[in-house]
C-alpha atoms as a PDB file:
ATOM      1  CA  MET A   1      93.028 141.818  93.079  1.00  0.00           C
ATOM      2  CA  SER A   2      96.162 143.013  94.872  1.00  0.00           C
ATOM      3  CA  ASP A   3      99.722 141.926  94.266  1.00  0.00           C
ATOM      4  CA  PHE A   4     100.067 140.785  97.874  1.00  0.00           C
ATOM      5  CA  VAL A   5      99.891 137.054  98.470  1.00  0.00           C
ATOM      6  CA  TYR A   6     100.670 136.901 102.196  1.00  0.00           C
ATOM      7  CA  PHE A   7      99.293 138.951 105.096  1.00  0.00           C
ATOM      8  CA  PRO A   8     101.441 138.195 108.177  1.00  0.00           C
ATOM      9  CA  LEU A   9     100.108 139.527 111.488  1.00  0.00           C
ATOM     10  CA  ILE A  10     102.562 140.362 114.270  1.00  0.00           C
ATOM     11  CA  LYS A  11     102.646 142.259 117.515  1.00  0.00           C
ATOM     12  CA  THR A  12     105.365 144.919 117.573  1.00  0.00           C
ATOM     13  CA  ARG A  13     107.508 143.082 120.108  1.00  0.00           C
ATOM     14  CA  ASP A  14     111.257 142.668 119.754  1.00  0.00           C
ATOM     15  CA  ALA A  15     111.225 139.069 118.475  1.00  0.00           C
ATOM     16  CA  GLU A  16     108.636 139.731 115.774  1.00  0.00           C
ATOM     17  CA  LEU A  17     110.236 142.981 114.630  1.00  0.00           C
ATOM     18  CA  ARG A  18     113.672 141.359 114.469  1.00  0.00           C
ATOM     19  CA  CYS A  19     112.233 138.806 112.053  1.00  0.00           C
ATOM     20  CA  PHE A  20     110.829 141.584 109.841  1.00  0.00           C
ATOM     21  CA  ASP A  21     114.111 143.508 110.041  1.00  0.00           C
ATOM     22  CA  ASN A  22     115.687 140.571 108.239  1.00  0.00           C
ATOM     23  CA  ILE A  23     113.238 139.868 105.407  1.00  0.00           C
ATOM     24  CA  HIS A  24     114.726 140.190 101.924  1.00  0.00           C
ATOM     25  CA  PRO A  25     113.501 143.439 100.317  1.00  0.00           C
ATOM     26  CA  GLU A  26     112.204 141.592  97.242  1.00  0.00           C
ATOM     27  CA  ASP A  27     110.041 139.385  99.467  1.00  0.00           C
ATOM     28  CA  PHE A  28     108.304 142.482 100.799  1.00  0.00           C
ATOM     29  CA  ASP A  29     106.880 143.054  97.308  1.00  0.00           C
ATOM     30  CA  ASN A  30     104.530 140.132  97.965  1.00  0.00           C
ATOM     31  CA  ILE A  31     103.716 140.858 101.624  1.00  0.00           C
ATOM     32  CA  LEU A  32     101.230 143.234 103.210  1.00  0.00           C
ATOM     33  CA  PRO A  33     102.139 143.112 106.912  1.00  0.00           C
ATOM     34  CA  ILE A  34      99.608 143.705 109.674  1.00  0.00           C
ATOM     35  CA  TYR A  35     101.261 145.327 112.689  1.00  0.00           C
ATOM     36  CA  GLU A  36      99.425 145.193 116.007  1.00  0.00           C
ATOM     37  CA  LEU A  37     100.963 148.138 117.832  1.00  0.00           C
ATOM     38  CA  THR A  38     102.175 147.394 121.365  1.00  0.00           C
ATOM     39  CA  LYS A  39     104.092 149.363 123.952  1.00  0.00           C
ATOM     40  CA  SER A  40     107.881 149.265 123.793  1.00  0.00           C
ATOM     41  CA  ARG A  41     110.129 147.865 126.478  1.00  0.00           C
ATOM     42  CA  VAL A  42     109.687 149.603 129.796  1.00  0.00           C
ATOM     43  CA  THR A  43     112.672 151.816 130.711  1.00  0.00           C
ATOM     44  CA  SER A  44     113.370 154.474 133.327  1.00  0.00           C
ATOM     45  CA  LYS A  45     112.777 157.141 130.669  1.00  0.00           C
ATOM     46  CA  ALA A  46     109.637 155.421 129.343  1.00  0.00           C
ATOM     47  CA  PRO A  47     108.035 153.642 132.328  1.00  0.00           C
ATOM     48  CA  ASP A  48     104.858 152.953 130.325  1.00  0.00           C
ATOM     49  CA  GLY A  49     106.698 151.792 127.195  1.00  0.00           C
ATOM     50  CA  ASP A  50     106.593 154.397 124.428  1.00  0.00           C
ATOM     51  CA  ILE A  51     104.645 153.409 121.273  1.00  0.00           C
ATOM     52  CA  TYR A  52     106.573 155.972 119.217  1.00  0.00           C
ATOM     53  CA  ARG A  53     109.670 153.805 119.536  1.00  0.00           C
ATOM     54  CA  ARG A  54     107.707 150.993 117.954  1.00  0.00           C
ATOM     55  CA  MET A  55     106.495 153.283 115.166  1.00  0.00           C
ATOM     56  CA  GLU A  56     110.093 154.236 114.441  1.00  0.00           C
ATOM     57  CA  ARG A  57     110.998 150.547 114.106  1.00  0.00           C
ATOM     58  CA  ILE A  58     108.085 150.015 111.729  1.00  0.00           C
ATOM     59  CA  LYS A  59     109.164 153.050 109.679  1.00  0.00           C
ATOM     60  CA  ASN A  60     112.685 151.651 109.337  1.00  0.00           C
ATOM     61  CA  ILE A  61     111.332 148.264 108.252  1.00  0.00           C
ATOM     62  CA  GLN A  62     108.594 149.375 105.874  1.00  0.00           C
ATOM     63  CA  LYS A  63     110.143 152.551 104.410  1.00  0.00           C
ATOM     64  CA  ASP A  64     107.612 153.638 101.754  1.00  0.00           C
ATOM     65  CA  ARG A  65     105.901 150.244 101.500  1.00  0.00           C
ATOM     66  CA  PRO A  66     102.263 149.908 102.604  1.00  0.00           C
ATOM     67  CA  PHE A  67     101.236 148.143 105.805  1.00  0.00           C
ATOM     68  CA  ILE A  68      98.101 147.660 107.876  1.00  0.00           C
ATOM     69  CA  LEU A  69      98.260 149.163 111.366  1.00  0.00           C
ATOM     70  CA  ASP A  70      96.115 147.898 114.236  1.00  0.00           C
ATOM     71  CA  LEU A  71      96.246 148.493 117.994  1.00  0.00           C
ATOM     72  CA  SER A  72      96.743 145.785 120.605  1.00  0.00           C
ATOM     73  CA  THR A  73      93.857 145.348 123.020  1.00  0.00           C
ATOM     74  CA  ASP A  74      95.775 142.805 125.116  1.00  0.00           C
ATOM     75  CA  GLU A  75      96.295 144.352 128.560  1.00  0.00           C
ATOM     76  CA  ARG A  76      99.832 142.965 128.719  1.00  0.00           C
ATOM     77  CA  TYR A  77     100.883 145.072 125.740  1.00  0.00           C
ATOM     78  CA  MET A  78      98.786 148.198 126.171  1.00  0.00           C
ATOM     79  CA  ASN A  79      99.675 151.487 127.827  1.00  0.00           C
ATOM     80  CA  PRO A  80      97.917 154.856 128.292  1.00  0.00           C
ATOM     81  CA  GLN A  81      98.981 155.937 124.782  1.00  0.00           C
ATOM     82  CA  ILE A  82      97.215 152.968 123.170  1.00  0.00           C
ATOM     83  CA  GLN A  83      94.165 153.397 125.384  1.00  0.00           C
ATOM     84  CA  GLN A  84      93.949 156.992 124.197  1.00  0.00           C
ATOM     85  CA  LEU A  85      94.137 155.945 120.547  1.00  0.00           C
ATOM     86  CA  LEU A  86      91.303 153.472 121.150  1.00  0.00           C
ATOM     87  CA  SER A  87      89.011 156.195 122.473  1.00  0.00           C
ATOM     88  CA  GLU A  88      85.936 156.355 120.250  1.00  0.00           C
ATOM     89  CA  SER A  89      85.095 159.996 121.027  1.00  0.00           C
ATOM     90  CA  HIS A  90      84.600 162.371 118.093  1.00  0.00           C
ATOM     91  CA  GLY A  91      85.019 159.651 115.501  1.00  0.00           C
ATOM     92  CA  PHE A  92      88.192 158.196 117.039  1.00  0.00           C
ATOM     93  CA  ARG A  93      89.802 161.630 116.744  1.00  0.00           C
ATOM     94  CA  GLU A  94      93.050 160.592 118.449  1.00  0.00           C
ATOM     95  CA  TRP A  95      93.447 157.632 116.072  1.00  0.00           C
ATOM     96  CA  GLN A  96      92.714 159.955 113.136  1.00  0.00           C
ATOM     97  CA  TYR A  97      95.395 162.393 114.293  1.00  0.00           C
ATOM     98  CA  PHE A  98      97.915 159.600 114.878  1.00  0.00           C
ATOM     99  CA  ILE A  99      97.410 158.120 111.397  1.00  0.00           C
ATOM    100  CA  LEU A 100      96.544 161.087 109.204  1.00  0.00           C
ATOM    101  CA  ASP A 101      98.736 163.775 110.779  1.00  0.00           C
ATOM    102  CA  LEU A 102     101.523 162.519 113.026  1.00  0.00           C
ATOM    103  CA  HIS A 103     102.422 159.626 110.697  1.00  0.00           C
ATOM    104  CA  SER A 104     101.147 160.961 107.380  1.00  0.00           C
ATOM    105  CA  SER A 105     104.534 160.236 105.765  1.00  0.00           C
ATOM    106  CA  LEU A 106     104.067 156.480 106.280  1.00  0.00           C
ATOM    107  CA  ASN A 107     102.061 154.322 103.892  1.00  0.00           C
ATOM    108  CA  ILE A 108      99.570 153.226 106.555  1.00  0.00           C
ATOM    109  CA  ILE A 109      96.340 151.336 105.940  1.00  0.00           C
ATOM    110  CA  PRO A 110      94.511 152.026 109.230  1.00  0.00           C
ATOM    111  CA  VAL A 111      92.286 149.496 110.931  1.00  0.00           C
ATOM    112  CA  ILE A 112      88.741 150.650 111.687  1.00  0.00           C
ATOM    113  CA  HIS A 113      87.928 150.013 115.331  1.00  0.00           C
ATOM    114  CA  ILE A 114      84.391 148.784 115.878  1.00  0.00           C
ATOM    115  CA  HIS A 115      82.490 150.466 118.686  1.00  0.00           C
ATOM    116  CA  GLU A 116      78.736 150.414 119.171  1.00  0.00           C
ATOM    117  CA  ASP A 117      77.059 153.017 121.366  1.00  0.00           C
ATOM    118  CA  ASN A 118      73.481 154.138 122.075  1.00  0.00           C
ATOM    119  CA  GLU A 119      73.376 155.783 118.662  1.00  0.00           C
ATOM    120  CA  GLY A 120      74.664 152.734 116.822  1.00  0.00           C
ATOM    121  CA  PHE A 121      78.015 153.102 115.097  1.00  0.00           C
ATOM    122  CA  SER A 122      78.136 156.892 114.871  1.00  0.00           C
ATOM    123  CA  ASP A 123      81.822 157.245 115.824  1.00  0.00           C
ATOM    124  CA  VAL A 124      82.805 154.420 113.474  1.00  0.00           C
ATOM    125  CA  GLU A 125      80.892 156.077 110.641  1.00  0.00           C
ATOM    126  CA  GLU A 126      82.565 159.430 111.284  1.00  0.00           C
ATOM    127  CA  PHE A 127      86.008 157.834 111.288  1.00  0.00           C
ATOM    128  CA  VAL A 128      85.311 155.985 108.027  1.00  0.00           C
ATOM    129  CA  LYS A 129      84.033 159.127 106.298  1.00  0.00           C
ATOM    130  CA  ILE A 130      87.139 161.120 107.174  1.00  0.00           C
ATOM    131  CA  ALA A 131      89.787 158.402 106.810  1.00  0.00           C
ATOM    132  CA  SER A 132      88.407 157.059 103.506  1.00  0.00           C
ATOM    133  CA  SER A 133      88.496 160.569 102.008  1.00  0.00           C
ATOM    134  CA  LYS A 134      92.265 160.617 102.615  1.00  0.00           C
ATOM    135  CA  LYS A 135      93.248 156.973 102.241  1.00  0.00           C
ATOM    136  CA  GLU A 136      93.066 154.599  99.291  1.00  0.00           C
ATOM    137  CA  TYR A 137      92.498 151.621 101.593  1.00  0.00           C
ATOM    138  CA  LEU A 138      91.135 150.940 105.069  1.00  0.00           C
ATOM    139  CA  ALA A 139      90.993 147.636 106.955  1.00  0.00           C
ATOM    140  CA  VAL A 140      88.692 146.061 109.514  1.00  0.00           C
ATOM    141  CA  ARG A 141      89.449 143.025 111.703  1.00  0.00           C
ATOM    142  CA  LEU A 142      86.475 140.886 112.693  1.00  0.00           C
ATOM    143  CA  PRO A 143      85.850 137.415 114.176  1.00  0.00           C
ATOM    144  CA  TYR A 144      85.868 134.656 111.590  1.00  0.00           C
ATOM    145  CA  ASP A 145      82.661 133.013 112.823  1.00  0.00           C
ATOM    146  CA  LEU A 146      80.155 135.855 112.466  1.00  0.00           C
ATOM    147  CA  SER A 147      78.396 134.128 109.536  1.00  0.00           C
ATOM    148  CA  GLU A 148      75.474 136.284 108.328  1.00  0.00           C
ATOM    149  CA  ASP A 149      75.958 138.685 111.254  1.00  0.00           C
ATOM    150  CA  ILE A 150      79.032 140.110 109.554  1.00  0.00           C
ATOM    151  CA  ASP A 151      76.852 142.450 107.502  1.00  0.00           C
ATOM    152  CA  TYR A 152      75.703 144.121 110.735  1.00  0.00           C
ATOM    153  CA  TYR A 153      79.280 145.288 111.352  1.00  0.00           C
ATOM    154  CA  LEU A 154      80.276 145.935 107.744  1.00  0.00           C
ATOM    155  CA  SER A 155      77.165 147.923 106.781  1.00  0.00           C
ATOM    156  CA  PRO A 156      78.046 151.155 108.669  1.00  0.00           C
ATOM    157  CA  ILE A 157      81.509 150.995 107.119  1.00  0.00           C
ATOM    158  CA  MET A 158      80.364 150.339 103.572  1.00  0.00           C
ATOM    159  CA  LYS A 159      77.771 153.115 103.476  1.00  0.00           C
ATOM    160  CA  ASN A 160      80.361 155.680 104.628  1.00  0.00           C
ATOM    161  CA  LEU A 161      83.288 154.507 102.514  1.00  0.00           C
ATOM    162  CA  GLN A 162      84.128 157.327 100.120  1.00  0.00           C
ATOM    163  CA  ASP A 163      84.579 156.745  96.396  1.00  0.00           C
ATOM    164  CA  GLY A 164      88.100 155.657  95.549  1.00  0.00           C
ATOM    165  CA  CYS A 165      88.661 153.857  98.864  1.00  0.00           C
ATOM    166  CA  LYS A 166      88.408 150.085  99.291  1.00  0.00           C
ATOM    167  CA  LEU A 167      88.361 147.810 102.318  1.00  0.00           C
ATOM    168  CA  TYR A 168      90.520 144.917 103.493  1.00  0.00           C
ATOM    169  CA  VAL A 169      88.368 142.557 105.578  1.00  0.00           C
ATOM    170  CA  LEU A 170      90.508 140.580 108.034  1.00  0.00           C
ATOM    171  CA  LEU A 171      88.727 137.524 109.450  1.00  0.00           C
ATOM    172  CA  ASP A 172      90.539 136.439 112.592  1.00  0.00           C
ATOM    173  CA  ALA A 173      90.158 133.008 114.196  1.00  0.00           C
ATOM    174  CA  GLY A 174      93.008 133.428 116.695  1.00  0.00           C
ATOM    175  CA  TYR A 175      94.338 130.162 118.131  1.00  0.00           C
ATOM    176  CA  ILE A 176      92.630 127.234 116.427  1.00  0.00           C
ATOM    177  CA  ARG A 177      94.664 124.191 117.494  1.00  0.00           C
ATOM    178  CA  ASN A 178      91.983 122.958 119.890  1.00  0.00           C
ATOM    179  CA  ILE A 179      89.121 123.408 117.422  1.00  0.00           C
ATOM    180  CA  ASP A 180      88.053 120.915 114.787  1.00  0.00           C
ATOM    181  CA  LYS A 181      89.731 121.956 111.515  1.00  0.00           C
ATOM    182  CA  ALA A 182      86.692 121.176 109.386  1.00  0.00           C
ATOM    183  CA  LYS A 183      84.564 123.373 111.655  1.00  0.00           C
ATOM    184  CA  VAL A 184      87.031 126.257 111.380  1.00  0.00           C
ATOM    185  CA  SER A 185      87.015 126.004 107.581  1.00  0.00           C
ATOM    186  CA  GLU A 186      83.228 125.841 107.535  1.00  0.00           C
ATOM    187  CA  GLN A 187      82.856 128.954 109.691  1.00  0.00           C
ATOM    188  CA  PHE A 188      85.391 130.917 107.654  1.00  0.00           C
ATOM    189  CA  LEU A 189      83.462 130.019 104.516  1.00  0.00           C
ATOM    190  CA  GLU A 190      80.048 130.869 105.982  1.00  0.00           C
ATOM    191  CA  THR A 191      81.283 134.318 106.952  1.00  0.00           C
ATOM    192  CA  CYS A 192      82.998 134.914 103.607  1.00  0.00           C
ATOM    193  CA  GLU A 193      79.863 134.012 101.682  1.00  0.00           C
ATOM    194  CA  SER A 194      77.770 136.392 103.829  1.00  0.00           C
ATOM    195  CA  ILE A 195      79.808 139.455 102.861  1.00  0.00           C
ATOM    196  CA  ASN A 196      77.995 141.951 100.629  1.00  0.00           C
ATOM    197  CA  ASN A 197      79.239 144.991  98.675  1.00  0.00           C
ATOM    198  CA  ALA A 198      82.027 143.025  97.021  1.00  0.00           C
ATOM    199  CA  ALA A 199      82.816 145.983  94.739  1.00  0.00           C
ATOM    200  CA  LYS A 200      84.010 147.989  97.751  1.00  0.00           C
ATOM    201  CA  ILE A 201      86.203 145.200  99.129  1.00  0.00           C
ATOM    202  CA  LYS A 202      89.835 144.884  98.095  1.00  0.00           C
ATOM    203  CA  GLU A 203      90.484 141.508  99.741  1.00  0.00           C
ATOM    204  CA  VAL A 204      89.080 139.150 102.350  1.00  0.00           C
ATOM    205  CA  VAL A 205      91.948 137.723 104.410  1.00  0.00           C
ATOM    206  CA  MET A 206      92.051 134.765 106.802  1.00  0.00           C
ATOM    207  CA  LEU A 207      94.065 134.970 110.030  1.00  0.00           C
ATOM    208  CA  CYS A 208      94.762 132.179 112.514  1.00  0.00           C
ATOM    209  CA  THR A 209      97.524 130.242 114.241  1.00  0.00           C
ATOM    210  CA  SER A 210      97.908 126.654 115.372  1.00  0.00           C
ATOM    211  CA  PHE A 211     101.429 126.909 116.814  1.00  0.00           C
ATOM    212  CA  PRO A 212     101.266 125.171 120.219  1.00  0.00           C
ATOM    213  CA  SER A 213     102.271 126.619 123.582  1.00  0.00           C
ATOM    214  CA  SER A 214     104.271 123.464 124.385  1.00  0.00           C
ATOM    215  CA  VAL A 215     106.186 122.134 121.396  1.00  0.00           C
ATOM    216  CA  ALA A 216     107.719 119.149 123.187  1.00  0.00           C
ATOM    217  CA  GLN A 217     104.336 118.092 124.543  1.00  0.00           C
ATOM    218  CA  GLU A 218     102.745 118.407 121.113  1.00  0.00           C
ATOM    219  CA  GLY A 219     105.619 116.640 119.363  1.00  0.00           C
ATOM    220  CA  GLY A 220     105.712 113.861 121.915  1.00  0.00           C
ATOM    221  CA  HIS A 221     109.508 113.773 122.224  1.00  0.00           C
ATOM    222  CA  ASP A 222     111.978 115.764 124.296  1.00  0.00           C
ATOM    223  CA  SER A 223     115.033 116.235 122.054  1.00  0.00           C
ATOM    224  CA  ASP A 224     113.455 116.116 118.612  1.00  0.00           C
ATOM    225  CA  GLY A 225     110.079 115.640 117.046  1.00  0.00           C
ATOM    226  CA  SER A 226     107.438 117.117 114.782  1.00  0.00           C
ATOM    227  CA  PHE A 227     103.837 118.264 114.874  1.00  0.00           C
ATOM    228  CA  ASP A 228     101.197 119.302 112.368  1.00  0.00           C
ATOM    229  CA  ILE A 229     100.231 122.866 111.614  1.00  0.00           C
ATOM    230  CA  TYR A 230      96.722 123.568 110.372  1.00  0.00           C
ATOM    231  CA  GLU A 231      96.755 126.970 108.662  1.00  0.00           C
ATOM    232  CA  GLU A 232      97.606 125.676 105.200  1.00  0.00           C
ATOM    233  CA  GLU A 233      94.945 122.974 105.226  1.00  0.00           C
ATOM    234  CA  ILE A 234      92.249 125.400 106.375  1.00  0.00           C
ATOM    235  CA  PHE A 235      93.267 127.961 103.761  1.00  0.00           C
ATOM    236  CA  ASN A 236      93.105 125.391 100.960  1.00  0.00           C
ATOM    237  CA  ASP A 237      89.692 124.195 102.146  1.00  0.00           C
ATOM    238  CA  VAL A 238      88.244 127.719 102.074  1.00  0.00           C
ATOM    239  CA  ARG A 239      89.833 128.987  98.874  1.00  0.00           C
ATOM    240  CA  ARG A 240      88.353 126.127  96.858  1.00  0.00           C
ATOM    241  CA  LYS A 241      85.004 127.873  97.289  1.00  0.00           C
ATOM    242  CA  PHE A 242      85.913 131.504  97.993  1.00  0.00           C
ATOM    243  CA  PRO A 243      88.841 133.690  96.802  1.00  0.00           C
ATOM    244  CA  ILE A 244      90.211 134.329 100.291  1.00  0.00           C
ATOM    245  CA  LYS A 245      93.775 135.542 100.826  1.00  0.00           C
ATOM    246  CA  TYR A 246      96.237 133.878 103.185  1.00  0.00           C
ATOM    247  CA  GLY A 247      97.313 135.396 106.487  1.00  0.00           C
ATOM    248  CA  ASP A 248      98.542 133.994 109.793  1.00  0.00           C
ATOM    249  CA  TYR A 249     100.410 134.839 112.995  1.00  0.00           C
ATOM    250  CA  VAL A 250     103.792 133.785 111.543  1.00  0.00           C
ATOM    251  CA  SER A 251     104.097 130.766 113.876  1.00  0.00           C
ATOM    252  CA  ILE A 252     103.406 132.716 117.081  1.00  0.00           C
ATOM    253  CA  ASN A 253     101.236 131.176 119.771  1.00  0.00           C
ATOM    254  CA  THR A 254      98.656 133.670 121.036  1.00  0.00           C
ATOM    255  CA  GLU A 255      98.963 132.565 124.662  1.00  0.00           C
ATOM    256  CA  GLN A 256     102.362 134.318 124.690  1.00  0.00           C
ATOM    257  CA  ILE A 257     103.813 132.386 127.618  1.00  0.00           C
ATOM    258  CA  GLU A 258     106.710 134.391 129.047  1.00  0.00           C
ATOM    259  CA  MET A 259     109.872 132.388 129.657  1.00  0.00           C
ATOM    260  CA  LYS A 260     111.527 133.002 133.005  1.00  0.00           C
ATOM    261  CA  GLY A 261     115.318 133.196 133.084  1.00  0.00           C
ATOM    262  CA  GLY A 262     116.890 129.774 133.371  1.00  0.00           C
ATOM    263  CA  THR A 263     113.702 127.803 132.794  1.00  0.00           C
ATOM    264  CA  PHE A 264     113.753 127.402 129.019  1.00  0.00           C
ATOM    265  CA  VAL A 265     115.284 124.582 126.998  1.00  0.00           C
ATOM    266  CA  PRO A 266     117.095 125.780 123.829  1.00  0.00           C
ATOM    267  CA  ARG A 267     115.157 124.762 120.728  1.00  0.00           C
ATOM    268  CA  ILE A 268     115.200 125.375 116.971  1.00  0.00           C
ATOM    269  CA  ASP A 269     112.001 124.920 114.950  1.00  0.00           C
ATOM    270  CA  VAL A 270     111.768 124.723 111.161  1.00  0.00           C
ATOM    271  CA  ALA A 271     108.657 124.550 109.003  1.00  0.00           C
ATOM    272  CA  SER A 272     108.284 122.001 106.229  1.00  0.00           C
ATOM    273  CA  LEU A 273     108.231 123.227 102.646  1.00  0.00           C
ATOM    274  CA  ASP A 274     104.704 121.882 102.105  1.00  0.00           C
ATOM    275  CA  GLY A 275     103.425 124.061 104.921  1.00  0.00           C
ATOM    276  CA  ASN A 276     101.950 121.265 107.017  1.00  0.00           C
ATOM    277  CA  THR A 277     104.569 120.367 109.640  1.00  0.00           C
ATOM    278  CA  PHE A 278     107.063 121.798 112.099  1.00  0.00           C
ATOM    279  CA  THR A 279     110.182 119.883 113.136  1.00  0.00           C
ATOM    280  CA  TYR A 280     112.152 120.800 116.256  1.00  0.00           C
ATOM    281  CA  LYS A 281     115.525 120.033 117.816  1.00  0.00           C
ATOM    282  CA  ARG A 282     115.694 120.642 121.558  1.00  0.00           C
ATOM    283  CA  PHE A 283     118.739 120.238 123.824  1.00  0.00           C
ATOM    284  CA  ARG A 284     119.391 121.570 127.298  1.00  0.00           C
ATOM    285  CA  ARG A 285     122.274 123.960 127.733  1.00  0.00           C
ATOM    286  CA  ASP A 286     124.458 121.355 129.465  1.00  0.00           C
ATOM    287  CA  HIS A 287     123.841 119.009 126.518  1.00  0.00           C
ATOM    288  CA  GLY A 288     124.859 121.365 123.717  1.00  0.00           C
ATOM    289  CA  GLY A 289     122.096 124.002 123.711  1.00  0.00           C
ATOM    290  CA  TYR A 290     121.532 126.004 120.548  1.00  0.00           C
ATOM    291  CA  VAL A 291     124.809 124.830 119.000  1.00  0.00           C
ATOM    292  CA  LYS A 292     123.709 121.202 119.102  1.00  0.00           C
ATOM    293  CA  CYS A 293     120.172 122.159 118.003  1.00  0.00           C
ATOM    294  CA  ALA A 294     121.628 123.856 114.923  1.00  0.00           C
ATOM    295  CA  LYS A 295     123.975 120.985 114.103  1.00  0.00           C
ATOM    296  CA  GLN A 296     121.149 118.457 114.361  1.00  0.00           C
ATOM    297  CA  THR A 297     118.855 120.676 112.279  1.00  0.00           C
ATOM    298  CA  ILE A 298     121.381 120.837 109.437  1.00  0.00           C
ATOM    299  CA  LEU A 299     121.984 117.081 109.594  1.00  0.00           C
ATOM    300  CA  ASP A 300     118.254 116.394 109.279  1.00  0.00           C
ATOM    301  CA  THR A 301     118.083 116.998 105.530  1.00  0.00           C
ATOM    302  CA  SER A 302     114.671 115.339 105.290  1.00  0.00           C
ATOM    303  CA  SER A 303     113.193 118.158 107.385  1.00  0.00           C
ATOM    304  CA  TYR A 304     115.392 121.183 106.708  1.00  0.00           C
ATOM    305  CA  THR A 305     116.267 122.786 103.371  1.00  0.00           C
ATOM    306  CA  PRO A 306     118.207 126.090 103.328  1.00  0.00           C
ATOM    307  CA  LEU A 307     116.190 128.810 101.567  1.00  0.00           C
ATOM    308  CA  ASN A 308     118.796 131.591 101.507  1.00  0.00           C
ATOM    309  CA  THR A 309     117.169 133.476 104.377  1.00  0.00           C
ATOM    310  CA  TRP A 310     118.582 135.311 107.385  1.00  0.00           C
ATOM    311  CA  ALA A 311     117.335 132.332 109.417  1.00  0.00           C
ATOM    312  CA  ASP A 312     119.540 129.951 107.450  1.00  0.00           C
ATOM    313  CA  LYS A 313     122.583 132.113 108.147  1.00  0.00           C
ATOM    314  CA  GLU A 314     121.822 132.124 111.874  1.00  0.00           C
ATOM    315  CA  ILE A 315     121.389 128.337 111.958  1.00  0.00           C
ATOM    316  CA  GLU A 316     124.684 127.945 110.103  1.00  0.00           C
ATOM    317  CA  LEU A 317     126.502 130.303 112.516  1.00  0.00           C
ATOM    318  CA  ALA A 318     125.167 128.416 115.520  1.00  0.00           C
ATOM    319  CA  SER A 319     126.231 125.084 114.017  1.00  0.00           C
ATOM    320  CA  GLN A 320     129.766 126.515 113.852  1.00  0.00           C
ATOM    321  CA  ASN A 321     129.728 127.218 117.600  1.00  0.00           C
ATOM    322  CA  ASP A 322     129.113 130.932 117.025  1.00  0.00           C
ATOM    323  CA  PRO A 323     125.414 131.655 117.645  1.00  0.00           C
ATOM    324  CA  THR A 324     124.418 135.300 117.343  1.00  0.00           C
ATOM    325  CA  GLY A 325     121.798 134.946 120.071  1.00  0.00           C
ATOM    326  CA  ILE A 326     121.124 132.480 122.871  1.00  0.00           C
ATOM    327  CA  SER A 327     117.717 133.658 124.059  1.00  0.00           C
ATOM    328  CA  PRO A 328     114.337 132.114 123.206  1.00  0.00           C
ATOM    329  CA  ALA A 329     113.215 135.458 121.718  1.00  0.00           C
ATOM    330  CA  PHE A 330     116.108 135.458 119.241  1.00  0.00           C
ATOM    331  CA  TRP A 331     115.296 131.949 118.032  1.00  0.00           C
ATOM    332  CA  ILE A 332     111.619 132.800 117.755  1.00  0.00           C
ATOM    333  CA  SER A 333     112.765 135.452 115.249  1.00  0.00           C
ATOM    334  CA  VAL A 334     114.730 132.796 113.372  1.00  0.00           C
ATOM    335  CA  ARG A 335     111.763 130.408 113.325  1.00  0.00           C
ATOM    336  CA  MET A 336     109.454 133.154 112.065  1.00  0.00           C
ATOM    337  CA  ASN A 337     111.885 134.241 109.361  1.00  0.00           C
ATOM    338  CA  TYR A 338     112.220 130.749 107.879  1.00  0.00           C
ATOM    339  CA  TYR A 339     108.482 130.071 108.262  1.00  0.00           C
ATOM    340  CA  LEU A 340     107.608 133.305 106.483  1.00  0.00           C
ATOM    341  CA  LYS A 341     109.750 132.318 103.510  1.00  0.00           C
ATOM    342  CA  THR A 342     108.095 128.898 103.264  1.00  0.00           C
ATOM    343  CA  ARG A 343     104.685 130.581 103.242  1.00  0.00           C
ATOM    344  CA  LEU A 344     105.718 132.988 100.515  1.00  0.00           C
ATOM    345  CA  ASN A 345     107.092 130.143  98.413  1.00  0.00           C
ATOM    346  CA  LEU A 346     103.810 128.273  98.734  1.00  0.00           C
ATOM    347  CA  ARG A 347     101.778 131.338  97.718  1.00  0.00           C
ATOM    348  CA  LEU A 348     104.029 132.062  94.730  1.00  0.00           C
ATOM    349  CA  LYS A 349     104.217 128.475  93.524  1.00  0.00           C
ATOM    350  CA  PRO A 350     102.592 128.085  90.096  1.00  0.00           C
ATOM    351  CA  THR A 351      99.139 126.511  90.329  1.00  0.00           C
ATOM    352  CA  LEU A 352      98.873 123.301  88.355  1.00  0.00           C
END
């Protein structure tokens, strides 16, 4: 078993990376991040958004620590560079070169991209043979509800995995708020129990998110409220029967609704220490904005406990009329940073 207890999955956008920029170094000892590489901000010099800028940010965050690297297949975050890396030709040769040559100094655990052609999984098999001869670990990200069909996709990987290399299996359910929780747990478990070749697998990891696209609608109140989050409950249901590891989207909603300038209402969200609830404070800019949100958050001691994180410092600064940032993206970073710490604390809590 690995030393990592939490597998947070993020896209390499500014808000998510800002959160990771501000994680305590000692907390990283217990985290194996999964970065889904996206294009950078579009500029006149990089009209397609250069992925190498994102890789430089990851390098500065991770230093020599290991991380799993995937590629975004969301059209909103792709560019020609990513499309090239996803090309399956010659055993994903461009992806091989990117990982094994261009970024050989980084401690990357590459994701195996699944592609089936007329000859089966020939390009996947070639990639696995080469990458597993040079890497201690590889990873593959698959749907959580494959059940017994998972062996169809894992088999070409397992039979080409070289000695000394093991596999992280990432089972991804995406956004699960509108699905029955018991059904999600059941399908995770069915897939887990259908996995063979356990000796070649390092960990099986769950991934999902239940953070809603509209917090105020979910919470039922405009200025303050709360709503349930489901990841912890699903994880506990599955791990009672299978030794799955915990991963999530770090409180990001996968719909990724873009806020237009002037349309958002300032809001601060904090996760409960038991992992089951989010509480929010929400005030329009002409009614106090982020300053009032922060003051009300600190006053609500039943919902908010400082955990000595960067997020706590930012909430404190805002409560003193000196917020560092006043954009939704900045406060998403704050929410993520506090949430991540609560998840780590839950994973590291002694089991009774």
